[in-house]
């Protein structure tokens, strides 16, 4: 499913215009991004948790030579129990 497919589905099921559904989805994604940039967790009950994980610096081979990868932050998602249960079926 693409973002466009999601927008069309939300518009149809929520009886919204495509413009209103687009604004809703884009606002939803932007708010999750804003919270993650601030280092906050985003918990969507029954769905899962978005959070930022800190990676330590490490040495690895890149482009044929050993280089150091600096510490950095990465976005993560941990699915909730309800989502896991639905996926297992």
C-alpha atoms as a PDB file:
ATOM      1  CA  UNK A   1       0.000   0.000   0.000  1.00  0.00           C
ATOM      2  CA  UNK A   2       1.344   3.401  -0.951  1.00  0.00           C
ATOM      3  CA  UNK A   3       0.640   6.713   0.733  1.00  0.00           C
ATOM      4  CA  UNK A   4      -1.745   7.542  -2.105  1.00  0.00           C
ATOM      5  CA  UNK A   5      -3.613   4.253  -1.598  1.00  0.00           C
ATOM      6  CA  UNK A   6      -3.905   5.033   2.107  1.00  0.00           C
ATOM      7  CA  UNK A   7      -5.250   8.522   1.384  1.00  0.00           C
ATOM      8  CA  UNK A   8      -7.876   7.142  -0.994  1.00  0.00           C
ATOM      9  CA  UNK A   9      -8.921   4.481   1.520  1.00  0.00           C
ATOM     10  CA  UNK A  10      -9.220   7.002   4.372  1.00  0.00           C
ATOM     11  CA  UNK A  11     -11.187   9.411   2.151  1.00  0.00           C
ATOM     12  CA  UNK A  12     -13.624   6.682   1.144  1.00  0.00           C
ATOM     13  CA  UNK A  13     -14.100   5.090   4.587  1.00  0.00           C
ATOM     14  CA  UNK A  14     -14.262   8.354   6.571  1.00  0.00           C
ATOM     15  CA  UNK A  15     -16.442  10.082   3.959  1.00  0.00           C
ATOM     16  CA  UNK A  16     -13.860  12.835   3.474  1.00  0.00           C
ATOM     17  CA  UNK A  17     -12.684  14.642   0.399  1.00  0.00           C
ATOM     18  CA  UNK A  18      -9.368  13.459  -0.980  1.00  0.00           C
ATOM     19  CA  UNK A  19      -7.900  16.850  -0.004  1.00  0.00           C
ATOM     20  CA  UNK A  20      -9.068  16.492   3.623  1.00  0.00           C
ATOM     21  CA  UNK A  21      -7.769  12.913   3.820  1.00  0.00           C
ATOM     22  CA  UNK A  22      -4.413  14.008   2.377  1.00  0.00           C
ATOM     23  CA  UNK A  23      -4.129  16.788   4.953  1.00  0.00           C
ATOM     24  CA  UNK A  24      -5.026  14.371   7.761  1.00  0.00           C
ATOM     25  CA  UNK A  25      -2.474  11.742   6.743  1.00  0.00           C
ATOM     26  CA  UNK A  26       0.281  14.303   6.138  1.00  0.00           C
ATOM     27  CA  UNK A  27      -0.397  15.964   9.506  1.00  0.00           C
ATOM     28  CA  UNK A  28      -0.337  12.563  11.232  1.00  0.00           C
ATOM     29  CA  UNK A  29       3.040  11.672   9.693  1.00  0.00           C
ATOM     30  CA  UNK A  30       4.470  15.150  10.367  1.00  0.00           C
ATOM     31  CA  UNK A  31       3.495  14.983  14.042  1.00  0.00           C
ATOM     32  CA  UNK A  32       5.143  11.578  14.441  1.00  0.00           C
ATOM     33  CA  UNK A  33       8.302  12.951  12.798  1.00  0.00           C
ATOM     34  CA  UNK A  34       8.239  16.066  14.997  1.00  0.00           C
ATOM     35  CA  UNK A  35       7.970  13.987  18.159  1.00  0.00           C
ATOM     36  CA  UNK A  36      10.775  11.641  17.088  1.00  0.00           C
ATOM     37  CA  UNK A  37      13.089  14.549  16.256  1.00  0.00           C
ATOM     38  CA  UNK A  38      12.511  15.802  19.816  1.00  0.00           C
ATOM     39  CA  UNK A  39      13.407  12.329  21.108  1.00  0.00           C
ATOM     40  CA  UNK A  40       9.886  11.509  22.264  1.00  0.00           C
ATOM     41  CA  UNK A  41       8.137   8.149  21.953  1.00  0.00           C
ATOM     42  CA  UNK A  42       4.908   7.953  19.980  1.00  0.00           C
ATOM     43  CA  UNK A  43       2.595   5.287  21.388  1.00  0.00           C
ATOM     44  CA  UNK A  44      -0.473   4.365  19.348  1.00  0.00           C
ATOM     45  CA  UNK A  45      -2.484   2.068  21.560  1.00  0.00           C
ATOM     46  CA  UNK A  46      -3.260  -1.243  19.872  1.00  0.00           C
ATOM     47  CA  UNK A  47      -0.861  -0.519  17.008  1.00  0.00           C
ATOM     48  CA  UNK A  48       2.658   0.058  18.304  1.00  0.00           C
ATOM     49  CA  UNK A  49       5.360   2.456  19.424  1.00  0.00           C
ATOM     50  CA  UNK A  50       7.648   4.635  17.338  1.00  0.00           C
ATOM     51  CA  UNK A  51      10.886   5.658  19.053  1.00  0.00           C
ATOM     52  CA  UNK A  52      14.460   6.785  18.372  1.00  0.00           C
ATOM     53  CA  UNK A  53      17.355   4.458  19.106  1.00  0.00           C
ATOM     54  CA  UNK A  54      20.946   5.635  19.611  1.00  0.00           C
ATOM     55  CA  UNK A  55      23.620   3.675  17.735  1.00  0.00           C
ATOM     56  CA  UNK A  56      27.168   3.670  19.078  1.00  0.00           C
ATOM     57  CA  UNK A  57      30.138   4.456  16.880  1.00  0.00           C
ATOM     58  CA  UNK A  58      31.677   1.445  15.211  1.00  0.00           C
ATOM     59  CA  UNK A  59      34.350   0.489  12.744  1.00  0.00           C
ATOM     60  CA  UNK A  60      33.383  -1.345   9.580  1.00  0.00           C
ATOM     61  CA  UNK A  61      34.472  -1.934   6.015  1.00  0.00           C
ATOM     62  CA  UNK A  62      32.863   0.530   3.613  1.00  0.00           C
ATOM     63  CA  UNK A  63      33.848   0.921  -0.023  1.00  0.00           C
ATOM     64  CA  UNK A  64      36.713  -1.545   0.387  1.00  0.00           C
ATOM     65  CA  UNK A  65      38.406   0.097   3.363  1.00  0.00           C
ATOM     66  CA  UNK A  66      37.879   0.271   7.100  1.00  0.00           C
ATOM     67  CA  UNK A  67      36.036   3.392   8.220  1.00  0.00           C
ATOM     68  CA  UNK A  68      34.511   4.620  11.438  1.00  0.00           C
ATOM     69  CA  UNK A  69      30.762   5.137  11.480  1.00  0.00           C
ATOM     70  CA  UNK A  70      29.975   7.920  13.976  1.00  0.00           C
ATOM     71  CA  UNK A  71      27.259   7.533  16.608  1.00  0.00           C
ATOM     72  CA  UNK A  72      23.843   8.331  15.193  1.00  0.00           C
ATOM     73  CA  UNK A  73      20.124   8.113  15.858  1.00  0.00           C
ATOM     74  CA  UNK A  74      17.762   5.804  13.970  1.00  0.00           C
ATOM     75  CA  UNK A  75      13.955   5.627  13.978  1.00  0.00           C
ATOM     76  CA  UNK A  76      12.471   2.349  15.232  1.00  0.00           C
ATOM     77  CA  UNK A  77       9.022   0.799  15.512  1.00  0.00           C
ATOM     78  CA  UNK A  78       7.876  -1.835  17.991  1.00  0.00           C
ATOM     79  CA  UNK A  79       4.516  -3.404  17.082  1.00  0.00           C
ATOM     80  CA  UNK A  80       1.863  -3.700  19.788  1.00  0.00           C
ATOM     81  CA  UNK A  81       0.210  -6.926  20.928  1.00  0.00           C
ATOM     82  CA  UNK A  82      -2.966  -6.293  18.918  1.00  0.00           C
ATOM     83  CA  UNK A  83      -1.035  -5.727  15.684  1.00  0.00           C
ATOM     84  CA  UNK A  84       1.079  -8.842  16.272  1.00  0.00           C
ATOM     85  CA  UNK A  85      -2.046 -10.909  16.899  1.00  0.00           C
ATOM     86  CA  UNK A  86      -3.761  -9.687  13.717  1.00  0.00           C
ATOM     87  CA  UNK A  87      -0.648 -10.340  11.607  1.00  0.00           C
ATOM     88  CA  UNK A  88      -0.238 -13.903  12.944  1.00  0.00           C
ATOM     89  CA  UNK A  89      -3.665 -14.985  11.627  1.00  0.00           C
END
